Every structure is written in structure tokens, then in C-alpha cells.
């Protein structure tokens, strides 16, 4: 049996790395996100429910029509209760400042963030801009106005 790898188009993105760490990179062949690391002079301890902005030392310039989605790392969230305050965050193509991570400790224990620790993932995504077509009613669909939980549990 032969397996053929799909050739993915690579997007060129300008990046400035003022951190002590390597550039964000994909951990595996199938990874959608690149890990972002804390760039700290000394460890930082967050108390329960405390939040702070953690610098990464990374600056990017995305092409127009793209965004960088900053997402929590699932293992850190479930195992330690450390996540992003605004999960998911967006870096717009016209923002060129340092990427900083709004981290919160949702656990009952203090948590110490170490320099170089992987705290979040960055996914680069294309998006479409819309023009609104104002109408007086929307087309009828099977789901209609059914909101949260309307499609059932299973």
C-alpha cells in the first residue's frame, strides 16, 4: 500500500525574534499550530485566578487576508489550569508589535512559568472580509433558531 503525502502551500511570513529561543515551529508533521514560548528574565509565579501578559519576544507581519490565532495548549489547560484569558486571541495582519500571551491561572494552586515554557499555540489562518446584505428575513433552515444544545447530546 502506498501513501502519498499532500504537498501543502507554504506561506512566507516576516518574523523578528528578540527572544532567547528558537522560532516558533510545528512539533509534528500534522500540527496546525506552532508553540509560543515565554521569554522571561526570571520565573514568574501566578497565584490562583491571577492573570498577566507574558512576553514571547516574537514579532510577526502577516500578509493581508491572514490572521494568527493564539490558542491555549490543551495539556497545560487540563493538567495545570493554565490557559489564555481571551482564548482564542487574534493577531491582525496590521499588528506588528510583540506577541504577548494573556495567561490566567484557573487552578487552586500557584503556578510558576519558566523561561522558554511552551504556553500557547499560534495557528495562521486565511479569512474573508464580508459585505453585509441587509434583508428583512432570513431563509428557513432545518435548525432555525435552535441554539446551544439544540442538536442533542449524542
Protein backbone atom coordinates (compact mmCIF):
# COMPACT_ATOMS: atom_id res chain seq x y z
CA UNK A 1 0.00 0.00 0.00
CA UNK A 2 1.40 3.40 -0.98
CA UNK A 3 0.74 6.54 0.98
CA UNK A 4 1.09 9.81 -0.86
CA UNK A 5 1.79 12.97 1.11
CA UNK A 6 -0.11 16.04 0.02
CA UNK A 7 2.02 18.97 -0.93
CA UNK A 8 0.96 21.95 1.16
CA UNK A 9 1.43 25.50 0.00
CA UNK A 10 3.85 27.31 2.28
CA UNK A 11 3.05 30.90 3.26
CA UNK A 12 6.01 33.24 3.78
CA UNK A 13 5.63 35.36 6.94
CA UNK A 14 8.07 38.02 8.14
CA UNK A 15 9.26 37.43 11.73
CA UNK A 16 11.59 39.17 14.19
CA UNK A 17 12.86 37.01 17.05
CA UNK A 18 14.06 39.05 20.04
CA UNK A 19 13.69 36.09 22.38
CA UNK A 20 16.35 33.73 23.68
CA UNK A 21 14.57 30.83 21.98
CA UNK A 22 14.21 29.36 18.51
CA UNK A 23 11.48 30.46 16.12
CA UNK A 24 8.00 29.01 16.64
CA UNK A 25 7.81 25.67 14.85
CA UNK A 26 5.50 22.75 14.21
CA UNK A 27 6.05 19.85 16.66
CA UNK A 28 4.84 17.16 14.23
CA UNK A 29 4.13 16.78 10.52
CA UNK A 30 0.37 17.06 11.15
CA UNK A 31 0.50 20.01 13.58
CA UNK A 32 -1.65 23.02 12.72
CA UNK A 33 -0.23 25.18 15.50
CA UNK A 34 3.26 26.33 16.43
CA UNK A 35 4.19 26.57 20.10
CA UNK A 36 4.82 30.01 21.57
CA UNK A 37 7.28 30.20 24.47
CA UNK A 38 7.60 32.50 27.46
CA UNK A 39 10.53 34.91 27.12
CA UNK A 40 11.33 35.77 30.73
CA UNK A 41 14.37 37.06 32.62
CA UNK A 42 13.28 35.10 35.69
CA UNK A 43 10.47 32.65 36.57
CA UNK A 44 7.03 34.19 37.09
CA UNK A 45 4.59 32.77 39.65
CA UNK A 46 0.85 33.22 39.09
CA UNK A 47 -1.45 32.84 42.07
CA UNK A 48 -4.90 31.21 41.65
CA UNK A 49 -7.12 33.42 39.42
CA UNK A 50 -4.23 35.81 38.76
CA UNK A 51 -3.62 36.88 35.17
CA UNK A 52 -0.70 38.54 33.41
CA UNK A 53 0.74 39.27 29.98
CA UNK A 54 3.70 37.02 29.22
CA UNK A 55 6.15 38.27 26.58
CA UNK A 56 7.31 35.97 23.79
CA UNK A 57 9.94 38.17 22.12
CA UNK A 58 8.26 37.34 18.78
CA UNK A 59 7.05 39.96 16.28
CA UNK A 60 5.35 38.99 13.01
CA UNK A 61 3.97 40.71 9.93
CA UNK A 62 1.24 38.73 8.24
CA UNK A 63 0.11 39.22 4.64
CA UNK A 64 -3.25 40.95 4.25
CA UNK A 65 -6.10 38.43 4.45
CA UNK A 66 -4.43 36.36 7.18
CA UNK A 67 -4.63 36.29 10.96
CA UNK A 68 -2.71 34.48 13.66
CA UNK A 69 -4.99 32.67 16.10
CA UNK A 70 -3.45 32.32 19.56
CA UNK A 71 -4.86 29.26 21.31
CA UNK A 72 -4.31 27.60 24.69
CA UNK A 73 -2.23 24.44 24.89
CA UNK A 74 -4.70 21.70 25.78
CA UNK A 75 -2.35 19.72 28.04
CA UNK A 76 -1.40 22.78 30.09
CA UNK A 77 -5.05 23.79 30.39
CA UNK A 78 -6.38 20.43 31.58
CA UNK A 79 -3.40 19.32 33.69
CA UNK A 80 -2.47 22.65 35.33
CA UNK A 81 -5.42 25.00 34.80
CA UNK A 82 -3.22 27.47 32.89
CA UNK A 83 -4.92 29.00 29.85
CA UNK A 84 -5.47 32.20 27.89
CA UNK A 85 -7.82 34.84 29.27
CA UNK A 86 -9.22 35.59 25.80
CA UNK A 87 -8.98 32.15 24.22
CA UNK A 88 -8.92 32.28 21.19
CA UNK A 89 -6.99 35.52 20.57
CA UNK A 90 -6.41 37.10 17.18
CA UNK A 91 -3.32 38.85 15.82
CA UNK A 92 -4.39 41.01 12.87
CA UNK A 93 -2.25 41.47 9.77
CA UNK A 94 -1.65 45.15 10.57
CA UNK A 95 -0.36 44.47 14.13
CA UNK A 96 3.44 44.28 14.22
CA UNK A 97 4.09 44.59 17.95
CA UNK A 98 5.37 41.86 20.25
CA UNK A 99 3.09 38.88 20.69
CA UNK A 100 2.22 38.74 24.38
CA UNK A 101 0.16 35.96 25.92
CA UNK A 102 -2.68 36.88 28.33
CA UNK A 103 -2.26 33.97 30.76
CA UNK A 104 -4.57 33.12 33.68
CA UNK A 105 -4.19 30.52 36.42
CA UNK A 106 -7.60 28.86 36.84
CA UNK A 107 -6.27 26.28 39.31
CA UNK A 108 -6.34 26.39 43.10
CA UNK A 109 -2.53 26.30 43.31
CA UNK A 110 0.20 28.82 42.47
CA UNK A 111 1.87 28.06 39.13
CA UNK A 112 5.38 29.11 38.13
CA UNK A 113 6.03 29.91 34.48
CA UNK A 114 9.63 29.23 33.45
CA UNK A 115 11.59 30.96 30.70
CA UNK A 116 11.15 29.01 27.46
CA UNK A 117 8.00 27.22 28.64
CA UNK A 118 5.50 26.50 25.86
CA UNK A 119 2.35 28.39 26.86
CA UNK A 120 0.20 28.72 23.73
CA UNK A 121 -0.12 27.74 20.09
CA UNK A 122 -0.25 30.01 17.07
CA UNK A 123 -2.28 28.98 14.01
CA UNK A 124 -2.04 31.09 10.85
CA UNK A 125 -5.39 31.23 9.05
CA UNK A 126 -6.81 32.91 5.97
CA UNK A 127 -10.05 34.81 6.40
CA UNK A 128 -12.59 36.51 4.21
CA UNK A 129 -13.95 40.02 4.67
CA UNK A 130 -17.68 40.40 4.24
CA UNK A 131 -20.06 42.99 2.94
CA UNK A 132 -23.41 42.94 4.69
CA UNK A 133 -26.50 42.22 2.61
CA UNK A 134 -29.24 43.62 4.79
CA UNK A 135 -32.57 41.76 4.46
CA UNK A 136 -35.82 41.77 6.43
CA UNK A 137 -35.94 37.96 6.98
CA UNK A 138 -33.56 35.03 6.68
CA UNK A 139 -34.18 31.82 4.73
CA UNK A 140 -35.78 28.97 6.66
CA UNK A 141 -33.36 26.17 7.66
CA UNK A 142 -33.86 22.84 9.40
CA UNK A 143 -32.15 24.08 12.58
CA UNK A 144 -33.70 27.53 12.56
CA UNK A 145 -33.27 29.37 15.85
CA UNK A 146 -32.12 26.29 17.78
CA UNK A 147 -29.16 27.42 19.87
CA UNK A 148 -26.92 25.84 22.50
CA UNK A 149 -27.71 22.14 22.90
CA UNK A 150 -30.47 22.15 20.29
CA UNK A 151 -28.92 19.33 18.27
CA UNK A 152 -28.88 16.95 21.24
CA UNK A 153 -26.19 15.26 23.33
CA UNK A 154 -25.34 12.26 21.12
